[in-house]
Structures are given as C-alpha cells and as structure tokens.
Protein backbone atom coordinates (compact mmCIF):
# COMPACT_ATOMS: atom_id res chain seq x y z
CA UNK A 1 11.04 -12.48 2.23
CA UNK A 2 8.61 -10.20 3.56
CA UNK A 3 7.54 -7.77 0.69
CA UNK A 4 5.21 -4.88 1.16
CA UNK A 5 3.06 -2.94 -1.50
CA UNK A 6 3.10 0.86 -1.05
CA UNK A 7 0.92 3.49 -2.91
CA UNK A 8 -2.16 5.97 -3.19
CA UNK A 9 -5.92 4.42 -2.38
CA UNK A 10 -6.75 2.78 -5.41
CA UNK A 11 -2.99 1.45 -7.14
CA UNK A 12 -3.63 -2.09 -6.68
CA UNK A 13 -2.01 -2.81 -3.20
CA UNK A 14 -4.78 -5.03 -1.99
CA UNK A 15 -5.64 -7.12 -5.46
CA UNK A 16 -1.44 -7.22 -6.35
CA UNK A 17 -0.57 -8.48 -3.12
CA UNK A 18 -3.24 -10.97 -2.95
CA UNK A 19 -2.10 -12.37 -6.37
CA UNK A 20 1.69 -11.86 -5.28
CA UNK A 21 1.03 -13.71 -2.24
CA UNK A 22 -0.28 -16.74 -4.08
CA UNK A 23 2.44 -16.57 -6.44
CA UNK A 24 5.56 -16.51 -3.78
CA UNK A 25 3.48 -19.07 -1.54
CA UNK A 26 3.50 -16.50 1.19
CA UNK A 27 1.09 -15.44 3.68
CA UNK A 28 -1.25 -12.36 2.72
CA UNK A 29 -1.10 -9.13 5.55
CA UNK A 30 -3.68 -6.67 4.53
CA UNK A 31 -2.76 -3.69 7.18
CA UNK A 32 -6.39 -1.97 6.64
CA UNK A 33 -8.01 -5.40 6.91
CA UNK A 34 -6.15 -6.17 10.13
CA UNK A 35 -6.21 -2.34 11.62
CA UNK A 36 -10.32 -2.70 11.26
CA UNK A 37 -10.34 -6.07 13.03
CA UNK A 38 -8.30 -4.53 15.63
CA UNK A 39 -10.80 -1.19 15.96
CA UNK A 40 -14.10 -3.52 15.20
CA UNK A 41 -15.24 -0.92 12.53
CA UNK A 42 -14.22 0.82 9.37
CA UNK A 43 -11.40 3.04 9.03
CA UNK A 44 -13.99 5.30 8.05
CA UNK A 45 -16.32 5.39 10.60
CA UNK A 46 -12.89 5.59 12.97
CA UNK A 47 -11.52 8.41 10.99
CA UNK A 48 -14.52 10.37 11.14
CA UNK A 49 -15.51 9.54 14.77
CA UNK A 50 -11.30 9.66 16.17
CA UNK A 51 -9.75 12.22 13.44
CA UNK A 52 -6.83 10.90 11.34
CA UNK A 53 -3.88 11.44 14.13
CA UNK A 54 -5.68 8.79 16.17
CA UNK A 55 -6.14 6.60 12.96
CA UNK A 56 -2.51 6.95 12.39
CA UNK A 57 -1.49 6.00 15.65
CA UNK A 58 -3.19 2.69 15.38
CA UNK A 59 -1.79 2.24 11.73
CA UNK A 60 1.54 2.71 13.12
CA UNK A 61 1.39 0.01 16.20
CA UNK A 62 -0.18 -2.41 13.38
CA UNK A 63 2.85 -1.80 10.37
CA UNK A 64 5.18 -2.44 13.20
CA UNK A 65 3.89 -5.20 14.33
CA UNK A 66 3.42 -6.87 10.92
CA UNK A 67 6.68 -5.45 9.23
CA UNK A 68 8.46 -7.81 12.26
CA UNK A 69 6.84 -11.11 10.39
CA UNK A 70 9.76 -12.84 8.51
CA UNK A 71 7.93 -14.40 5.37
CA UNK A 72 4.52 -12.57 3.68
CA UNK A 73 3.52 -10.02 1.35
CA UNK A 74 2.10 -7.07 3.26
CA UNK A 75 -0.44 -4.29 1.62
CA UNK A 76 -0.01 -1.38 3.62
CA UNK A 77 -3.08 1.84 3.37
CA UNK A 78 -2.25 4.43 1.03
CA UNK A 79 -1.20 7.00 4.21
CA UNK A 80 1.83 4.36 5.96
CA UNK A 81 4.02 6.64 4.46
CA UNK A 82 3.47 9.80 6.42
CA UNK A 83 4.98 8.32 9.63
CA UNK A 84 8.65 8.47 9.90
CA UNK A 85 8.52 5.32 11.73
CA UNK A 86 6.08 3.64 9.13
CA UNK A 87 8.63 4.52 6.65
CA UNK A 88 12.03 3.55 8.40
CA UNK A 89 10.60 0.16 9.70
CA UNK A 90 8.99 -0.64 6.02
CA UNK A 91 12.71 0.07 4.37
CA UNK A 92 14.51 -1.60 7.08
CA UNK A 93 12.52 -4.98 7.16
CA UNK A 94 10.38 -5.52 3.96
CA UNK A 95 11.24 -5.24 0.41
CA UNK A 96 9.23 -2.22 -0.65
CA UNK A 97 7.43 -2.15 -3.99
CA UNK A 98 5.76 1.53 -4.96
CA UNK A 99 3.03 0.91 -7.12
CA UNK A 100 2.86 4.25 -9.02
CA UNK A 101 -0.28 5.09 -10.70
CA UNK A 102 -1.19 8.76 -11.97
CA UNK A 103 -4.02 10.63 -10.38
CA UNK A 104 -5.85 10.53 -13.21
CA UNK A 105 -5.94 6.48 -13.53
CA UNK A 106 -6.92 6.03 -9.74
CA UNK A 107 -9.54 8.85 -10.17
CA UNK A 108 -10.72 6.51 -13.31
CA UNK A 109 -10.54 3.44 -10.82
CA UNK A 110 -11.98 5.27 -7.32
CA UNK A 111 -14.61 7.48 -8.80
CA UNK A 112 -17.73 5.30 -7.47
CA UNK A 113 -15.84 4.01 -3.91
CA UNK A 114 -17.55 5.84 -1.24
CA UNK A 115 -15.29 3.96 1.12
CA UNK A 116 -12.16 6.14 0.97
CA UNK A 117 -12.31 8.65 3.31
CA UNK A 118 -9.81 10.94 2.41
CA UNK A 119 -12.09 10.92 -1.04
CA UNK A 120 -14.98 11.97 0.11
CA UNK A 121 -14.26 15.22 -0.79
CA UNK A 122 -15.94 18.00 -3.48
CA UNK A 123 -13.02 17.73 -5.93
CA UNK A 124 -11.83 13.67 -5.65
CA UNK A 125 -9.54 14.27 -8.49
CA UNK A 126 -7.90 17.42 -7.07
CA UNK A 127 -7.43 15.83 -3.72
CA UNK A 128 -5.96 12.74 -5.78
CA UNK A 129 -3.21 15.09 -7.42
CA UNK A 130 -2.83 16.71 -4.06
CA UNK A 131 -2.13 13.37 -2.74
CA UNK A 132 0.28 12.32 -5.46
CA UNK A 133 2.29 15.75 -4.91
CA UNK A 134 2.55 15.00 -1.50
CA UNK A 135 3.19 11.56 -0.88
CA UNK A 136 5.23 10.14 -4.05
CA UNK A 137 8.64 11.44 -2.51
CA UNK A 138 7.60 9.71 0.55
CA UNK A 139 6.84 6.77 -1.70
CA UNK A 140 10.08 6.54 -3.38
CA UNK A 141 12.39 7.43 -0.31
CA UNK A 142 10.96 3.90 1.06
CA UNK A 143 10.77 1.99 -1.85
CA UNK A 144 13.49 -0.51 -3.07
CA UNK A 145 11.66 -0.95 -6.25
CA UNK A 146 8.62 1.30 -8.32
CA UNK A 147 6.49 -0.49 -10.77
CA UNK A 148 4.45 1.90 -13.09
CA UNK A 149 0.86 0.60 -12.58
CA UNK A 150 -0.52 1.95 -15.97
CA UNK A 151 -3.02 -0.11 -17.57
CA UNK A 152 -1.22 -3.50 -17.35
CA UNK A 153 -3.31 -6.51 -15.59
CA UNK A 154 -3.14 -7.61 -12.04
CA UNK A 155 -1.01 -10.36 -13.61
CA UNK A 156 1.25 -8.62 -15.60
CA UNK A 157 1.83 -6.40 -12.31
CA UNK A 158 2.99 -9.44 -10.45
CA UNK A 159 5.13 -10.73 -13.01
CA UNK A 160 7.05 -7.28 -13.38
CA UNK A 161 7.40 -7.47 -9.74
CA UNK A 162 8.59 -11.35 -9.56
CA UNK A 163 11.12 -10.20 -12.24
CA UNK A 164 12.68 -7.18 -9.94
CA UNK A 165 12.64 -9.26 -7.14
CA UNK A 166 14.33 -12.32 -9.18
CA UNK A 167 17.33 -9.65 -10.94
CA UNK A 168 17.97 -7.94 -7.40
CA UNK A 169 18.64 -11.73 -6.23
CA UNK A 170 16.02 -11.87 -3.83
CA UNK A 171 14.06 -14.92 -5.73
CA UNK A 172 15.49 -17.61 -7.55
CA UNK A 173 15.03 -18.02 -11.21
CA UNK A 174 12.08 -20.13 -11.85
C-alpha cells in the first residue's frame, strides 16, 4: 500500500507521514527531502535562483518516481497538486489523504518559519488564504480521503487516517 499526504504548507504532511509510516511499518518518503538531495541545495535556494516553474519540473519528476513505489507513506510538497500530471499519478497510484487546515491555523503554526519560500511576503496570512482558495479544489480532486486537522494531536490524526483506511478496506482491522 502506498499512501500519499497532500495539503498546504504546514498542514502536518511530514510529521503525520512519519508517524503513519511507523504505525503501518512502511518506509517514509518526503518528496521535498528527495528533491533537496537531488538538487544539492534547499528548495528555497533553488526556487529563488531558478524560479517556480523549474522547481515544479523537478518536483513532477520526483513525484512520478516516488509514486511508483508499491509500499510506503509519501509526504508531498504543498504545491504538488498544481500540476495535472502529479494529481493524476497520485490519485491513480496512491491512497491520497488531504490534510485540510484552515489558513488561520496554518498561520499560527508557520508565522516564524523562514524556510517556506511562498510565505516570505508582507502578508503571509493573506497569502495562506489565497493558497487555500486556489489549491483546496485541487486537493479535493486528488484526495481519496479528507482529514480536517484542526487542533488534534499527531497521534489522533494518524488514528483518524488509519480508521479511514480500515473502513475503506485498505487495512485489516487491528
């Protein structure tokens, strides 16, 4: 089984993904970390130097490769759904879980994070609201399951995901 987590920056994809992979005893893949290893620099540096379009080309190639794994938990970058090919590959090859967080919740989590290139703007909350408006329909189109993140603990979110996978018949009851 291959699960992919999608959602806005800061929605918990990497944190929840690591815990989910432990619980399922499957390997964990973070597409952003794979991209950075491939590029030899941070996504932020590459983004600033080469621009978003070049970054999205690299991201598409990495996601195509990662989504062909048979088993694992895959955490994607927040903008992974912007490319049709990514949405199609994820939806067809993975059990996709959308971690949906409100822009206000994300802002609370991310307001001091300087490593997210799309949030290095004068009004990061406004930017998160714009990103949510633009990307939410794409996340919903790609996802098999939607989990509202709100304020539950990571363990609670993992349990919610496991329960959805079990109800859908993708896991044997524990």
